Amino acid sequence: KGIYYFVPKMIEYYLGEKPILKNAPTYLPYYDEDRAYTLEHIDELVIK
């Protein structure tokens, strides 16, 4: 599920194309900015 976050980037990296299908809007607490957002807005999010 952590790698899922990067699939749109994989499509651009390997295929040179824009993703046709969207991921659900996802935040990665591994990154400081995303972690801060997750902690601040936890009532609005689903945590996996």
ModelCIF file with pLDDT and N, C-alpha, C, O atoms, coordinates in Angstrom:
data_MODEL
#
_entry.id   MODEL 
#
_entity.id                         1 
_entity.type                       polymer 
_entity.pdbx_number_of_molecules   1 
#
_entity_poly.entity_id                      1 
_entity_poly.type                           'polypeptide(L)' 
_entity_poly.nstd_linkage                   no 
_entity_poly.nstd_monomer                   no 
_entity_poly.pdbx_seq_one_letter_code       KGIYYFVPKMIEYYLGEKPILKNAPTYLPYYDEDRAYTLEHIDELVIK 
_entity_poly.pdbx_seq_one_letter_code_can   KGIYYFVPKMIEYYLGEKPILKNAPTYLPYYDEDRAYTLEHIDELVIK 
_entity_poly.pdbx_strand_id                 A 
#
loop_
_entity_poly_seq.entity_id 
_entity_poly_seq.num 
_entity_poly_seq.mon_id 
_entity_poly_seq.hetero 
1 1  LYS n 
1 2  GLY n 
1 3  ILE n 
1 4  TYR n 
1 5  TYR n 
1 6  PHE n 
1 7  VAL n 
1 8  PRO n 
1 9  LYS n 
1 10 MET n 
1 11 ILE n 
1 12 GLU n 
1 13 TYR n 
1 14 TYR n 
1 15 LEU n 
1 16 GLY n 
1 17 GLU n 
1 18 LYS n 
1 19 PRO n 
1 20 ILE n 
1 21 LEU n 
1 22 LYS n 
1 23 ASN n 
1 24 ALA n 
1 25 PRO n 
1 26 THR n 
1 27 TYR n 
1 28 LEU n 
1 29 PRO n 
1 30 TYR n 
1 31 TYR n 
1 32 ASP n 
1 33 GLU n 
1 34 ASP n 
1 35 ARG n 
1 36 ALA n 
1 37 TYR n 
1 38 THR n 
1 39 LEU n 
1 40 GLU n 
1 41 HIS n 
1 42 ILE n 
1 43 ASP n 
1 44 GLU n 
1 45 LEU n 
1 46 VAL n 
1 47 ILE n 
1 48 LYS n 
#
_struct_asym.id          A 
_struct_asym.entity_id   1 
#
loop_
_ma_qa_metric.id 
_ma_qa_metric.mode 
_ma_qa_metric.name 
_ma_qa_metric.software_group_id 
_ma_qa_metric.type 
1 global pLDDT . pLDDT 
2 local  pLDDT . pLDDT 
#
_ma_qa_metric_global.metric_id      1 
_ma_qa_metric_global.metric_value   95.56 
_ma_qa_metric_global.model_id       1 
_ma_qa_metric_global.ordinal_id     1 
#
loop_
_ma_qa_metric_local.label_asym_id 
_ma_qa_metric_local.label_comp_id 
_ma_qa_metric_local.label_seq_id 
_ma_qa_metric_local.metric_id 
_ma_qa_metric_local.metric_value 
_ma_qa_metric_local.model_id 
_ma_qa_metric_local.ordinal_id 
A LYS 1  2 90.00 1 1  
A GLY 2  2 92.00 1 2  
A ILE 3  2 95.00 1 3  
A TYR 4  2 95.00 1 4  
A TYR 5  2 95.00 1 5  
A PHE 6  2 97.00 1 6  
A VAL 7  2 98.00 1 7  
A PRO 8  2 97.00 1 8  
A LYS 9  2 97.00 1 9  
A MET 10 2 98.00 1 10 
A ILE 11 2 98.00 1 11 
A GLU 12 2 98.00 1 12 
A TYR 13 2 98.00 1 13 
A TYR 14 2 98.00 1 14 
A LEU 15 2 98.00 1 15 
A GLY 16 2 98.00 1 16 
A GLU 17 2 98.00 1 17 
A LYS 18 2 98.00 1 18 
A PRO 19 2 98.00 1 19 
A ILE 20 2 98.00 1 20 
A LEU 21 2 98.00 1 21 
A LYS 22 2 96.00 1 22 
A ASN 23 2 96.00 1 23 
A ALA 24 2 93.00 1 24 
A PRO 25 2 94.00 1 25 
A THR 26 2 95.00 1 26 
A TYR 27 2 96.00 1 27 
A LEU 28 2 95.00 1 28 
A PRO 29 2 95.00 1 29 
A TYR 30 2 93.00 1 30 
A TYR 31 2 94.00 1 31 
A ASP 32 2 95.00 1 32 
A GLU 33 2 96.00 1 33 
A ASP 34 2 96.00 1 34 
A ARG 35 2 96.00 1 35 
A ALA 36 2 96.00 1 36 
A TYR 37 2 96.00 1 37 
A THR 38 2 96.00 1 38 
A LEU 39 2 96.00 1 39 
A GLU 40 2 95.00 1 40 
A HIS 41 2 95.00 1 41 
A ILE 42 2 95.00 1 42 
A ASP 43 2 93.00 1 43 
A GLU 44 2 92.00 1 44 
A LEU 45 2 93.00 1 45 
A VAL 46 2 92.00 1 46 
A ILE 47 2 94.00 1 47 
A LYS 48 2 92.00 1 48 
#
loop_
_atom_site.group_PDB 
_atom_site.id 
_atom_site.type_symbol 
_atom_site.label_atom_id 
_atom_site.label_alt_id 
_atom_site.label_comp_id 
_atom_site.label_asym_id 
_atom_site.label_entity_id 
_atom_site.label_seq_id 
_atom_site.pdbx_PDB_ins_code 
_atom_site.Cartn_x 
_atom_site.Cartn_y 
_atom_site.Cartn_z 
_atom_site.occupancy 
_atom_site.B_iso_or_equiv 
_atom_site.pdbx_formal_charge 
_atom_site.auth_seq_id 
_atom_site.auth_comp_id 
_atom_site.auth_asym_id 
_atom_site.auth_atom_id 
_atom_site.pdbx_PDB_model_num 
ATOM 1   N N  . LYS A 1 1  ? 0.819   -1.217 0.000   1.00 90.00 ? 1  LYS A N  1 
ATOM 2   C CA . LYS A 1 1  ? 0.000   0.000  0.000   1.00 90.00 ? 1  LYS A CA 1 
ATOM 3   C C  . LYS A 1 1  ? 0.854   1.268  0.000   1.00 90.00 ? 1  LYS A C  1 
ATOM 4   O O  . LYS A 1 1  ? 0.402   2.321  -0.452  1.00 90.00 ? 1  LYS A O  1 
ATOM 5   N N  . GLY A 1 2  ? 2.081   1.171  0.504   1.00 92.00 ? 2  GLY A N  1 
ATOM 6   C CA . GLY A 1 2  ? 2.972   2.323  0.430   1.00 92.00 ? 2  GLY A CA 1 
ATOM 7   C C  . GLY A 1 2  ? 3.458   2.555  -0.992  1.00 92.00 ? 2  GLY A C  1 
ATOM 8   O O  . GLY A 1 2  ? 3.562   3.699  -1.434  1.00 92.00 ? 2  GLY A O  1 
ATOM 9   N N  . ILE A 1 3  ? 3.758   1.474  -1.711  1.00 95.00 ? 3  ILE A N  1 
ATOM 10  C CA . ILE A 1 3  ? 4.210   1.579  -3.101  1.00 95.00 ? 3  ILE A CA 1 
ATOM 11  C C  . ILE A 1 3  ? 3.083   2.114  -3.992  1.00 95.00 ? 3  ILE A C  1 
ATOM 12  O O  . ILE A 1 3  ? 3.344   2.794  -4.984  1.00 95.00 ? 3  ILE A O  1 
ATOM 13  N N  . TYR A 1 4  ? 1.847   1.807  -3.640  1.00 95.00 ? 4  TYR A N  1 
ATOM 14  C CA . TYR A 1 4  ? 0.666   2.294  -4.387  1.00 95.00 ? 4  TYR A CA 1 
ATOM 15  C C  . TYR A 1 4  ? 0.761   3.797  -4.662  1.00 95.00 ? 4  TYR A C  1 
ATOM 16  O O  . TYR A 1 4  ? 0.398   4.269  -5.739  1.00 95.00 ? 4  TYR A O  1 
ATOM 17  N N  . TYR A 1 5  ? 1.251   4.530  -3.677  1.00 95.00 ? 5  TYR A N  1 
ATOM 18  C CA . TYR A 1 5  ? 1.380   5.984  -3.795  1.00 95.00 ? 5  TYR A CA 1 
ATOM 19  C C  . TYR A 1 5  ? 2.206   6.371  -5.030  1.00 95.00 ? 5  TYR A C  1 
ATOM 20  O O  . TYR A 1 5  ? 1.973   7.417  -5.636  1.00 95.00 ? 5  TYR A O  1 
ATOM 21  N N  . PHE A 1 6  ? 3.167   5.522  -5.394  1.00 97.00 ? 6  PHE A N  1 
ATOM 22  C CA . PHE A 1 6  ? 4.124   5.870  -6.449  1.00 97.00 ? 6  PHE A CA 1 
ATOM 23  C C  . PHE A 1 6  ? 3.726   5.355  -7.834  1.00 97.00 ? 6  PHE A C  1 
ATOM 24  O O  . PHE A 1 6  ? 4.433   5.625  -8.805  1.00 97.00 ? 6  PHE A O  1 
ATOM 25  N N  . VAL A 1 7  ? 2.619   4.624  -7.954  1.00 98.00 ? 7  VAL A N  1 
ATOM 26  C CA . VAL A 1 7  ? 2.277   4.032  -9.259  1.00 98.00 ? 7  VAL A CA 1 
ATOM 27  C C  . VAL A 1 7  ? 2.077   5.097  -10.339 1.00 98.00 ? 7  VAL A C  1 
ATOM 28  O O  . VAL A 1 7  ? 2.561   4.898  -11.454 1.00 98.00 ? 7  VAL A O  1 
ATOM 29  N N  . PRO A 1 8  ? 1.393   6.215  -10.076 1.00 97.00 ? 8  PRO A N  1 
ATOM 30  C CA . PRO A 1 8  ? 1.307   7.240  -11.129 1.00 97.00 ? 8  PRO A CA 1 
ATOM 31  C C  . PRO A 1 8  ? 2.684   7.718  -11.593 1.00 97.00 ? 8  PRO A C  1 
ATOM 32  O O  . PRO A 1 8  ? 2.884   7.988  -12.778 1.00 97.00 ? 8  PRO A O  1 
ATOM 33  N N  . LYS A 1 9  ? 3.627   7.821  -10.661 1.00 97.00 ? 9  LYS A N  1 
ATOM 34  C CA . LYS A 1 9  ? 4.988   8.217  -11.035 1.00 97.00 ? 9  LYS A CA 1 
ATOM 35  C C  . LYS A 1 9  ? 5.662   7.122  -11.871 1.00 97.00 ? 9  LYS A C  1 
ATOM 36  O O  . LYS A 1 9  ? 6.431   7.422  -12.784 1.00 97.00 ? 9  LYS A O  1 
ATOM 37  N N  . MET A 1 10 ? 5.373   5.855  -11.558 1.00 98.00 ? 10 MET A N  1 
ATOM 38  C CA . MET A 1 10 ? 5.926   4.743  -12.341 1.00 98.00 ? 10 MET A CA 1 
ATOM 39  C C  . MET A 1 10 ? 5.447   4.805  -13.787 1.00 98.00 ? 10 MET A C  1 
ATOM 40  O O  . MET A 1 10 ? 6.218   4.571  -14.717 1.00 98.00 ? 10 MET A O  1 
ATOM 41  N N  . ILE A 1 11 ? 4.175   5.121  -13.965 1.00 98.00 ? 11 ILE A N  1 
ATOM 42  C CA . ILE A 1 11 ? 3.617   5.188  -15.317 1.00 98.00 ? 11 ILE A CA 1 
ATOM 43  C C  . ILE A 1 11 ? 4.357   6.234  -16.135 1.00 98.00 ? 11 ILE A C  1 
ATOM 44  O O  . ILE A 1 11 ? 4.692   6.006  -17.297 1.00 98.00 ? 11 ILE A O  1 
ATOM 45  N N  . GLU A 1 12 ? 4.606   7.374  -15.522 1.00 98.00 ? 12 GLU A N  1 
ATOM 46  C CA . GLU A 1 12 ? 5.341   8.423  -16.241 1.00 98.00 ? 12 GLU A CA 1 
ATOM 47  C C  . GLU A 1 12 ? 6.794   8.018  -16.464 1.00 98.00 ? 12 GLU A C  1 
ATOM 48  O O  . GLU A 1 12 ? 7.359   8.291  -17.523 1.00 98.00 ? 12 GLU A O  1 
ATOM 49  N N  . TYR A 1 13 ? 7.403   7.365  -15.470 1.00 98.00 ? 13 TYR A N  1 
ATOM 50  C CA . TYR A 1 13 ? 8.820   7.007  -15.559 1.00 98.00 ? 13 TYR A CA 1 
ATOM 51  C C  . TYR A 1 13 ? 9.068   5.916  -16.602 1.00 98.00 ? 13 TYR A C  1 
ATOM 52  O O  . TYR A 1 13 ? 9.967   6.044  -17.433 1.00 98.00 ? 13 TYR A O  1 
ATOM 53  N N  . TYR A 1 14 ? 8.279   4.854  -16.561 1.00 98.00 ? 14 TYR A N  1 
ATOM 54  C CA . TYR A 1 14 ? 8.538   3.720  -17.454 1.00 98.00 ? 14 TYR A CA 1 
ATOM 55  C C  . TYR A 1 14 ? 7.881   3.858  -18.828 1.00 98.00 ? 14 TYR A C  1 
ATOM 56  O O  . TYR A 1 14 ? 8.437   3.417  -19.833 1.00 98.00 ? 14 TYR A O  1 
ATOM 57  N N  . LEU A 1 15 ? 6.700   4.470  -18.867 1.00 98.00 ? 15 LEU A N  1 
ATOM 58  C CA . LEU A 1 15 ? 5.951   4.502  -20.118 1.00 98.00 ? 15 LEU A CA 1 
ATOM 59  C C  . LEU A 1 15 ? 5.958   5.874  -20.783 1.00 98.00 ? 15 LEU A C  1 
ATOM 60  O O  . LEU A 1 15 ? 5.611   6.000  -21.957 1.00 98.00 ? 15 LEU A O  1 
ATOM 61  N N  . GLY A 1 16 ? 6.356   6.904  -20.031 1.00 98.00 ? 16 GLY A N  1 
ATOM 62  C CA . GLY A 1 16 ? 6.352   8.256  -20.600 1.00 98.00 ? 16 GLY A CA 1 
ATOM 63  C C  . GLY A 1 16 ? 4.949   8.756  -20.890 1.00 98.00 ? 16 GLY A C  1 
ATOM 64  O O  . GLY A 1 16 ? 4.744   9.532  -21.823 1.00 98.00 ? 16 GLY A O  1 
ATOM 65  N N  . GLU A 1 17 ? 3.970   8.311  -20.087 1.00 98.00 ? 17 GLU A N  1 
ATOM 66  C CA . GLU A 1 17 ? 2.573   8.661  -20.303 1.00 98.00 ? 17 GLU A CA 1 
ATOM 67  C C  . GLU A 1 17 ? 1.958   9.225  -19.021 1.00 98.00 ? 17 GLU A C  1 
ATOM 68  O O  . GLU A 1 17 ? 2.436   8.961  -17.917 1.00 98.00 ? 17 GLU A O  1 
ATOM 69  N N  . LYS A 1 18 ? 0.911   9.990  -19.186 1.00 98.00 ? 18 LYS A N  1 
ATOM 70  C CA . LYS A 1 18 ? 0.143   10.447 -18.043 1.00 98.00 ? 18 LYS A CA 1 
ATOM 71  C C  . LYS A 1 18 ? -0.830  9.331  -17.622 1.00 98.00 ? 18 LYS A C  1 
ATOM 72  O O  . LYS A 1 18 ? -1.409  8.660  -18.476 1.00 98.00 ? 18 LYS A O  1 
ATOM 73  N N  . PRO A 1 19 ? -1.007  9.135  -16.317 1.00 98.00 ? 19 PRO A N  1 
ATOM 74  C CA . PRO A 1 19 ? -1.927  8.082  -15.878 1.00 98.00 ? 19 PRO A CA 1 
ATOM 75  C C  . PRO A 1 19 ? -3.351  8.337  -16.356 1.00 98.00 ? 19 PRO A C  1 
ATOM 76  O O  . PRO A 1 19 ? -3.859  9.456  -16.279 1.00 98.00 ? 19 PRO A O  1 
ATOM 77  N N  . ILE A 1 20 ? -3.977  7.287  -16.847 1.00 98.00 ? 20 ILE A N  1 
ATOM 78  C CA . ILE A 1 20 ? -5.368  7.381  -17.300 1.00 98.00 ? 20 ILE A CA 1 
ATOM 79  C C  . ILE A 1 20 ? -6.321  7.253  -16.114 1.00 98.00 ? 20 ILE A C  1 
ATOM 80  O O  . ILE A 1 20 ? -7.323  7.962  -16.031 1.00 98.00 ? 20 ILE A O  1 
ATOM 81  N N  . LEU A 1 21 ? -5.999  6.345  -15.206 1.00 98.00 ? 21 LEU A N  1 
ATOM 82  C CA . LEU A 1 21 ? -6.825  6.138  -14.016 1.00 98.00 ? 21 LEU A CA 1 
ATOM 83  C C  . LEU A 1 21 ? -6.193  6.843  -12.815 1.00 98.00 ? 21 LEU A C  1 
ATOM 84  O O  . LEU A 1 21 ? -4.969  6.938  -12.713 1.00 98.00 ? 21 LEU A O  1 
ATOM 85  N N  . LYS A 1 22 ? -7.018  7.323  -11.932 1.00 96.00 ? 22 LYS A N  1 
ATOM 86  C CA . LYS A 1 22 ? -6.548  8.057  -10.763 1.00 96.00 ? 22 LYS A CA 1 
ATOM 87  C C  . LYS A 1 22 ? -6.391  7.140  -9.562  1.00 96.00 ? 22 LYS A C  1 
ATOM 88  O O  . LYS A 1 22 ? -7.174  6.209  -9.372  1.00 96.00 ? 22 LYS A O  1 
ATOM 89  N N  . ASN A 1 23 ? -5.369  7.411  -8.748  1.00 96.00 ? 23 ASN A N  1 
ATOM 90  C CA . ASN A 1 23 ? -5.334  6.887  -7.388  1.00 96.00 ? 23 ASN A CA 1 
ATOM 91  C C  . ASN A 1 23 ? -6.331  7.665  -6.542  1.00 96.00 ? 23 ASN A C  1 
ATOM 92  O O  . ASN A 1 23 ? -6.682  8.800  -6.865  1.00 96.00 ? 23 ASN A O  1 
ATOM 93  N N  . ALA A 1 24 ? -6.781  7.047  -5.462  1.00 93.00 ? 24 ALA A N  1 
ATOM 94  C CA . ALA A 1 24 ? -7.487  7.841  -4.454  1.00 93.00 ? 24 ALA A CA 1 
ATOM 95  C C  . ALA A 1 24 ? -6.504  8.877  -3.908  1.00 93.00 ? 24 ALA A C  1 
ATOM 96  O O  . ALA A 1 24 ? -5.320  8.567  -3.777  1.00 93.00 ? 24 ALA A O  1 
ATOM 97  N N  . PRO A 1 25 ? -6.942  10.078 -3.590  1.00 94.00 ? 25 PRO A N  1 
ATOM 98  C CA . PRO A 1 25 ? -6.021  11.079 -3.021  1.00 94.00 ? 25 PRO A CA 1 
ATOM 99  C C  . PRO A 1 25 ? -5.343  10.510 -1.766  1.00 94.00 ? 25 PRO A C  1 
ATOM 100 O O  . PRO A 1 25 ? -5.999  10.201 -0.771  1.00 94.00 ? 25 PRO A O  1 
ATOM 101 N N  . THR A 1 26 ? -4.021  10.382 -1.841  1.00 95.00 ? 26 THR A N  1 
ATOM 102 C CA . THR A 1 26 ? -3.269  9.628  -0.839  1.00 95.00 ? 26 THR A CA 1 
ATOM 103 C C  . THR A 1 26 ? -2.133  10.465 -0.269  1.00 95.00 ? 26 THR A C  1 
ATOM 104 O O  . THR A 1 26 ? -1.499  11.252 -0.972  1.00 95.00 ? 26 THR A O  1 
ATOM 105 N N  . TYR A 1 27 ? -1.895  10.273 1.029   1.00 96.00 ? 27 TYR A N  1 
ATOM 106 C CA . TYR A 1 27 ? -0.801  10.960 1.713   1.00 96.00 ? 27 TYR A CA 1 
ATOM 107 C C  . TYR A 1 27 ? 0.117   9.920  2.332   1.00 96.00 ? 27 TYR A C  1 
ATOM 108 O O  . TYR A 1 27 ? -0.330  8.890  2.837   1.00 96.00 ? 27 TYR A O  1 
ATOM 109 N N  . LEU A 1 28 ? 1.403   10.211 2.282   1.00 95.00 ? 28 LEU A N  1 
ATOM 110 C CA . LEU A 1 28 ? 2.413   9.278  2.769   1.00 95.00 ? 28 LEU A CA 1 
ATOM 111 C C  . LEU A 1 28 ? 3.083   9.882  4.000   1.00 95.00 ? 28 LEU A C  1 
ATOM 112 O O  . LEU A 1 28 ? 3.909   10.785 3.864   1.00 95.00 ? 28 LEU A O  1 
ATOM 113 N N  . PRO A 1 29 ? 2.750   9.408  5.190   1.00 95.00 ? 29 PRO A N  1 
ATOM 114 C CA . PRO A 1 29 ? 3.350   9.983  6.409   1.00 95.00 ? 29 PRO A CA 1 
ATOM 115 C C  . PRO A 1 29 ? 4.867   9.891  6.444   1.00 95.00 ? 29 PRO A C  1 
ATOM 116 O O  . PRO A 1 29 ? 5.503   10.548 7.268   1.00 95.00 ? 29 PRO A O  1 
ATOM 117 N N  . TYR A 1 30 ? 5.452   9.097  5.576   1.00 93.00 ? 30 TYR A N  1 
ATOM 118 C CA . TYR A 1 30 ? 6.912   9.027  5.444   1.00 93.00 ? 30 TYR A CA 1 
ATOM 119 C C  . TYR A 1 30 ? 7.484   10.415 5.142   1.00 93.00 ? 30 TYR A C  1 
ATOM 120 O O  . TYR A 1 30 ? 8.586   10.752 5.574   1.00 93.00 ? 30 TYR A O  1 
ATOM 121 N N  . TYR A 1 31 ? 6.713   11.215 4.391   1.00 94.00 ? 31 TYR A N  1 
ATOM 122 C CA . TYR A 1 31 ? 7.133   12.579 4.071   1.00 94.00 ? 31 TYR A CA 1 
ATOM 123 C C  . TYR A 1 31 ? 6.596   13.532 5.146   1.00 94.00 ? 31 TYR A C  1 
ATOM 124 O O  . TYR A 1 31 ? 5.442   13.428 5.562   1.00 94.00 ? 31 TYR A O  1 
ATOM 125 N N  . ASP A 1 32 ? 7.444   14.450 5.583   1.00 95.00 ? 32 ASP A N  1 
ATOM 126 C CA . ASP A 1 32 ? 7.075   15.354 6.679   1.00 95.00 ? 32 ASP A CA 1 
ATOM 127 C C  . ASP A 1 32 ? 5.772   16.096 6.404   1.00 95.00 ? 32 ASP A C  1 
ATOM 128 O O  . ASP A 1 32 ? 4.904   16.185 7.272   1.00 95.00 ? 32 ASP A O  1 
ATOM 129 N N  . GLU A 1 33 ? 5.645   16.620 5.205   1.00 96.00 ? 33 GLU A N  1 
ATOM 130 C CA . GLU A 1 33 ? 4.455   17.418 4.875   1.00 96.00 ? 33 GLU A CA 1 
ATOM 131 C C  . GLU A 1 33 ? 3.191   16.564 4.935   1.00 96.00 ? 33 GLU A C  1 
ATOM 132 O O  . GLU A 1 33 ? 2.167   16.989 5.470   1.00 96.00 ? 33 GLU A O  1 
ATOM 133 N N  . ASP A 1 34 ? 3.277   15.354 4.379   1.00 96.00 ? 34 ASP A N  1 
ATOM 134 C CA . ASP A 1 34 ? 2.114   14.461 4.383   1.00 96.00 ? 34 ASP A CA 1 
ATOM 135 C C  . ASP A 1 34 ? 1.788   13.975 5.800   1.00 96.00 ? 34 ASP A C  1 
ATOM 136 O O  . ASP A 1 34 ? 0.622   13.799 6.152   1.00 96.00 ? 34 ASP A O  1 
ATOM 137 N N  . ARG A 1 35 ? 2.830   13.760 6.603   1.00 96.00 ? 35 ARG A N  1 
ATOM 138 C CA . ARG A 1 35 ? 2.600   13.336 7.985   1.00 96.00 ? 35 ARG A CA 1 
ATOM 139 C C  . ARG A 1 35 ? 1.878   14.438 8.763   1.00 96.00 ? 35 ARG A C  1 
ATOM 140 O O  . ARG A 1 35 ? 0.940   14.167 9.514   1.00 96.00 ? 35 ARG A O  1 
ATOM 141 N N  . ALA A 1 36 ? 2.316   15.658 8.579   1.00 96.00 ? 36 ALA A N  1 
ATOM 142 C CA . ALA A 1 36 ? 1.676   16.772 9.273   1.00 96.00 ? 36 ALA A CA 1 
ATOM 143 C C  . ALA A 1 36 ? 0.215   16.912 8.855   1.00 96.00 ? 36 ALA A C  1 
ATOM 144 O O  . ALA A 1 36 ? -0.662  17.163 9.682   1.00 96.00 ? 36 ALA A O  1 
ATOM 145 N N  . TYR A 1 37 ? -0.030  16.745 7.554   1.00 96.00 ? 37 TYR A N  1 
ATOM 146 C CA . TYR A 1 37 ? -1.406  16.848 7.065   1.00 96.00 ? 37 TYR A CA 1 
ATOM 147 C C  . TYR A 1 37 ? -2.264  15.728 7.651   1.00 96.00 ? 37 TYR A C  1 
ATOM 148 O O  . TYR A 1 37 ? -3.397  15.956 8.074   1.00 96.00 ? 37 TYR A O  1 
ATOM 149 N N  . THR A 1 38 ? -1.703  14.504 7.668   1.00 96.00 ? 38 THR A N  1 
ATOM 150 C CA . THR A 1 38 ? -2.449  13.361 8.196   1.00 96.00 ? 38 THR A CA 1 
ATOM 151 C C  . THR A 1 38 ? -2.817  13.568 9.660   1.00 96.00 ? 38 THR A C  1 
ATOM 152 O O  . THR A 1 38 ? -3.950  13.302 10.062  1.00 96.00 ? 38 THR A O  1 
ATOM 153 N N  . LEU A 1 39 ? -1.873  14.038 10.449  1.00 96.00 ? 39 LEU A N  1 
ATOM 154 C CA . LEU A 1 39 ? -2.131  14.233 11.879  1.00 96.00 ? 39 LEU A CA 1 
ATOM 155 C C  . LEU A 1 39 ? -3.148  15.340 12.119  1.00 96.00 ? 39 LEU A C  1 
ATOM 156 O O  . LEU A 1 39 ? -3.972  15.255 13.030  1.00 96.00 ? 39 LEU A O  1 
ATOM 157 N N  . GLU A 1 40 ? -3.083  16.367 11.301  1.00 95.00 ? 40 GLU A N  1 
ATOM 158 C CA . GLU A 1 40 ? -3.985  17.513 11.489  1.00 95.00 ? 40 GLU A CA 1 
ATOM 159 C C  . GLU A 1 40 ? -5.404  17.205 11.008  1.00 95.00 ? 40 GLU A C  1 
ATOM 160 O O  . GLU A 1 40 ? -6.376  17.716 11.565  1.00 95.00 ? 40 GLU A O  1 
ATOM 161 N N  . HIS A 1 41 ? -5.520  16.366 9.971   1.00 95.00 ? 41 HIS A N  1 
ATOM 162 C CA . HIS A 1 41 ? -6.832  16.130 9.344   1.00 95.00 ? 41 HIS A CA 1 
ATOM 163 C C  . HIS A 1 41 ? -7.300  14.690 9.528   1.00 95.00 ? 41 HIS A C  1 
ATOM 164 O O  . HIS A 1 41 ? -8.074  14.185 8.715   1.00 95.00 ? 41 HIS A O  1 
ATOM 165 N N  . ILE A 1 42 ? -6.848  14.038 10.568  1.00 95.00 ? 42 ILE A N  1 
ATOM 166 C CA . ILE A 1 42 ? -7.121  12.609 10.728  1.00 95.00 ? 42 ILE A CA 1 
ATOM 167 C C  . ILE A 1 42 ? -8.629  12.312 10.758  1.00 95.00 ? 42 ILE A C  1 
ATOM 168 O O  . ILE A 1 42 ? -9.051  11.224 10.365  1.00 95.00 ? 42 ILE A O  1 
ATOM 169 N N  . ASP A 1 43 ? -9.430  13.264 11.218  1.00 93.00 ? 43 ASP A N  1 
ATOM 170 C CA . ASP A 1 43 ? -10.886 13.052 11.258  1.00 93.00 ? 43 ASP A CA 1 
ATOM 171 C C  . ASP A 1 43 ? -11.485 12.932 9.864   1.00 93.00 ? 43 ASP A C  1 
ATOM 172 O O  . ASP A 1 43 ? -12.574 12.381 9.701   1.00 93.00 ? 43 ASP A O  1 
ATOM 173 N N  . GLU A 1 44 ? -10.789 13.438 8.866   1.00 92.00 ? 44 GLU A N  1 
ATOM 174 C CA . GLU A 1 44 ? -11.325 13.443 7.500   1.00 92.00 ? 44 GLU A CA 1 
ATOM 175 C C  . GLU A 1 44 ? -10.767 12.299 6.650   1.00 92.00 ? 44 GLU A C  1 
ATOM 176 O O  . GLU A 1 44 ? -11.137 12.157 5.485   1.00 92.00 ? 44 GLU A O  1 
ATOM 177 N N  . LEU A 1 45 ? -9.877  11.481 7.228   1.00 93.00 ? 45 LEU A N  1 
ATOM 178 C CA . LEU A 1 45 ? -9.121  10.517 6.433   1.00 93.00 ? 45 LEU A CA 1 
ATOM 179 C C  . LEU A 1 45 ? -9.400  9.086  6.847   1.00 93.00 ? 45 LEU A C  1 
ATOM 180 O O  . LEU A 1 45 ? -9.907  8.821  7.937   1.00 93.00 ? 45 LEU A O  1 
ATOM 181 N N  . VAL A 1 46 ? -9.059  8.172  5.954   1.00 92.00 ? 46 VAL A N  1 
ATOM 182 C CA . VAL A 1 46 ? -9.019  6.753  6.288   1.00 92.00 ? 46 VAL A CA 1 
ATOM 183 C C  . VAL A 1 46 ? -7.544  6.371  6.366   1.00 92.00 ? 46 VAL A C  1 
ATOM 184 O O  . VAL A 1 46 ? -6.767  6.690  5.467   1.00 92.00 ? 46 VAL A O  1 
ATOM 185 N N  . ILE A 1 47 ? -7.166  5.695  7.431   1.00 94.00 ? 47 ILE A N  1 
ATOM 186 C CA . ILE A 1 47 ? -5.781  5.305  7.660   1.00 94.00 ? 47 ILE A CA 1 
ATOM 187 C C  . ILE A 1 47 ? -5.648  3.812  7.370   1.00 94.00 ? 47 ILE A C  1 
ATOM 188 O O  . ILE A 1 47 ? -6.452  3.009  7.842   1.00 94.00 ? 47 ILE A O  1 
ATOM 189 N N  . LYS A 1 48 ? -4.633  3.446  6.594   1.00 92.00 ? 48 LYS A N  1 
ATOM 190 C CA . LYS A 1 48 ? -4.440  2.035  6.230   1.00 92.00 ? 48 LYS A CA 1 
ATOM 191 C C  . LYS A 1 48 ? -3.056  1.570  6.658   1.00 92.00 ? 48 LYS A C  1 
ATOM 192 O O  . LYS A 1 48 ? -2.700  0.412  6.441   1.00 92.00 ? 48 LYS A O  1 
#
